[in-house]
């Protein structure tokens, strides 16, 4: 009997094997699928992906992903001039660039919608 491929197992044994694998082995998801589950609070803890989320910069300056879709992402951040400010009292441009960079990078794992023309 080859347990690795399930040959020779009856239905009850196969159900147990599948449940055991789902419980023990992490499920590798595409980045976009993982992020959608993250936003929807639907991660069970057994899913993994190839990236670490939230990224360290999100923790450092305090932004979070609140929505993700085809070729778009929405991030949320509460700014504080005492933390995120520049000498003029407004939000520092570097913070805005980090936020824009993250917003552009999140949809990278999302498939583009099918159209009849090239997407650039």
Protein backbone atom coordinates (compact mmCIF):
# COMPACT_ATOMS: atom_id res chain seq x y z
CA UNK A 1 0.00 0.00 0.00
CA UNK A 2 1.41 3.40 -1.02
CA UNK A 3 0.11 5.95 1.49
CA UNK A 4 1.71 8.84 -0.40
CA UNK A 5 -0.62 8.45 -3.37
CA UNK A 6 -3.51 6.80 -1.52
CA UNK A 7 -3.61 3.61 -3.59
CA UNK A 8 -5.34 0.74 -1.83
CA UNK A 9 -7.13 2.95 0.73
CA UNK A 10 -10.88 2.74 1.23
CA UNK A 11 -13.08 5.86 1.26
CA UNK A 12 -12.91 6.29 5.05
CA UNK A 13 -9.11 6.04 5.01
CA UNK A 14 -8.91 8.52 2.11
CA UNK A 15 -11.13 10.99 4.01
CA UNK A 16 -8.84 10.67 7.03
CA UNK A 17 -5.72 11.13 4.88
CA UNK A 18 -7.15 14.24 3.19
CA UNK A 19 -8.23 15.72 6.54
CA UNK A 20 -4.82 14.93 8.03
CA UNK A 21 -2.98 16.57 5.13
CA UNK A 22 -5.22 19.65 5.30
CA UNK A 23 -4.57 19.97 9.03
CA UNK A 24 -0.81 19.33 8.96
CA UNK A 25 0.43 20.57 5.61
CA UNK A 26 0.21 24.26 4.73
CA UNK A 27 -1.59 25.14 1.51
CA UNK A 28 0.48 27.27 -0.89
CA UNK A 29 -1.68 29.99 -2.46
CA UNK A 30 -0.95 32.46 -5.22
CA UNK A 31 -0.17 35.90 -3.79
CA UNK A 32 -3.42 37.42 -5.08
CA UNK A 33 -5.55 34.61 -3.67
CA UNK A 34 -3.81 34.87 -0.29
CA UNK A 35 -4.25 38.66 -0.17
CA UNK A 36 -7.96 38.38 -1.01
CA UNK A 37 -8.39 35.90 1.86
CA UNK A 38 -6.35 38.22 4.12
CA UNK A 39 -8.60 41.20 3.32
CA UNK A 40 -11.74 39.07 3.81
CA UNK A 41 -10.43 37.68 7.14
CA UNK A 42 -10.83 34.20 5.62
CA UNK A 43 -7.36 32.78 6.34
CA UNK A 44 -7.48 29.63 8.44
CA UNK A 45 -3.80 29.59 9.35
CA UNK A 46 -2.84 26.71 7.08
CA UNK A 47 -2.43 28.88 3.97
CA UNK A 48 0.95 30.22 2.92
CA UNK A 49 2.23 32.28 0.03
CA UNK A 50 5.60 33.31 -1.31
CA UNK A 51 5.58 36.74 0.32
CA UNK A 52 5.50 37.98 3.89
CA UNK A 53 2.49 40.09 4.80
CA UNK A 54 2.12 42.63 6.20
CA UNK A 55 5.52 43.89 5.06
CA UNK A 56 7.81 45.50 7.64
CA UNK A 57 7.22 48.99 6.18
CA UNK A 58 3.47 48.61 6.74
CA UNK A 59 4.11 47.87 10.40
CA UNK A 60 6.65 50.70 10.68
CA UNK A 61 4.54 53.52 9.25
CA UNK A 62 1.14 51.97 9.96
CA UNK A 63 -0.76 51.25 6.77
CA UNK A 64 -2.97 48.29 5.98
CA UNK A 65 -4.54 46.69 2.93
CA UNK A 66 -8.33 47.03 3.02
CA UNK A 67 -9.37 46.03 -0.52
CA UNK A 68 -7.77 44.28 -3.47
CA UNK A 69 -9.10 43.64 -6.94
CA UNK A 70 -7.96 43.17 -10.50
CA UNK A 71 -5.10 45.65 -11.04
CA UNK A 72 -5.98 47.75 -7.97
CA UNK A 73 -5.51 47.94 -4.22
CA UNK A 74 -6.85 50.21 -1.48
CA UNK A 75 -4.66 50.94 1.53
CA UNK A 76 -5.65 52.74 4.72
CA UNK A 77 -3.39 54.80 6.96
CA UNK A 78 -3.97 57.14 9.88
CA UNK A 79 -1.31 59.85 9.69
CA UNK A 80 0.10 61.79 12.61
CA UNK A 81 2.29 64.87 11.93
CA UNK A 82 4.33 64.03 15.02
CA UNK A 83 5.26 60.67 13.48
CA UNK A 84 4.81 61.06 9.71
CA UNK A 85 5.40 64.80 9.35
CA UNK A 86 8.02 66.83 7.57
CA UNK A 87 9.47 70.14 8.86
CA UNK A 88 6.54 72.03 7.26
CA UNK A 89 3.99 70.06 9.31
CA UNK A 90 2.52 68.03 6.46
CA UNK A 91 2.89 64.32 5.69
CA UNK A 92 6.43 63.55 4.56
CA UNK A 93 6.76 62.75 0.86
CA UNK A 94 8.65 59.55 1.66
CA UNK A 95 5.62 58.25 3.57
CA UNK A 96 3.40 59.03 0.60
CA UNK A 97 5.87 57.29 -1.72
CA UNK A 98 5.88 54.18 0.51
CA UNK A 99 2.10 54.16 0.48
CA UNK A 100 1.98 54.57 -3.32
CA UNK A 101 4.65 51.88 -3.77
CA UNK A 102 2.66 49.43 -1.66
CA UNK A 103 -0.60 50.26 -3.45
CA UNK A 104 1.05 49.64 -6.83
CA UNK A 105 2.79 46.47 -5.66
CA UNK A 106 -0.15 44.68 -4.01
CA UNK A 107 -2.08 44.00 -7.22
CA UNK A 108 1.04 42.49 -8.75
CA UNK A 109 -0.31 39.09 -7.72
CA UNK A 110 -3.70 39.74 -9.32
CA UNK A 111 -4.54 38.62 -12.85
CA UNK A 112 -5.41 41.40 -15.25
CA UNK A 113 -8.91 41.31 -16.72
CA UNK A 114 -9.15 39.79 -20.20
CA UNK A 115 -9.71 42.37 -22.91
CA UNK A 116 -9.35 42.60 -26.67
CA UNK A 117 -6.40 44.99 -26.41
CA UNK A 118 -2.97 45.04 -24.82
CA UNK A 119 -2.59 46.24 -21.24
CA UNK A 120 0.35 48.51 -20.56
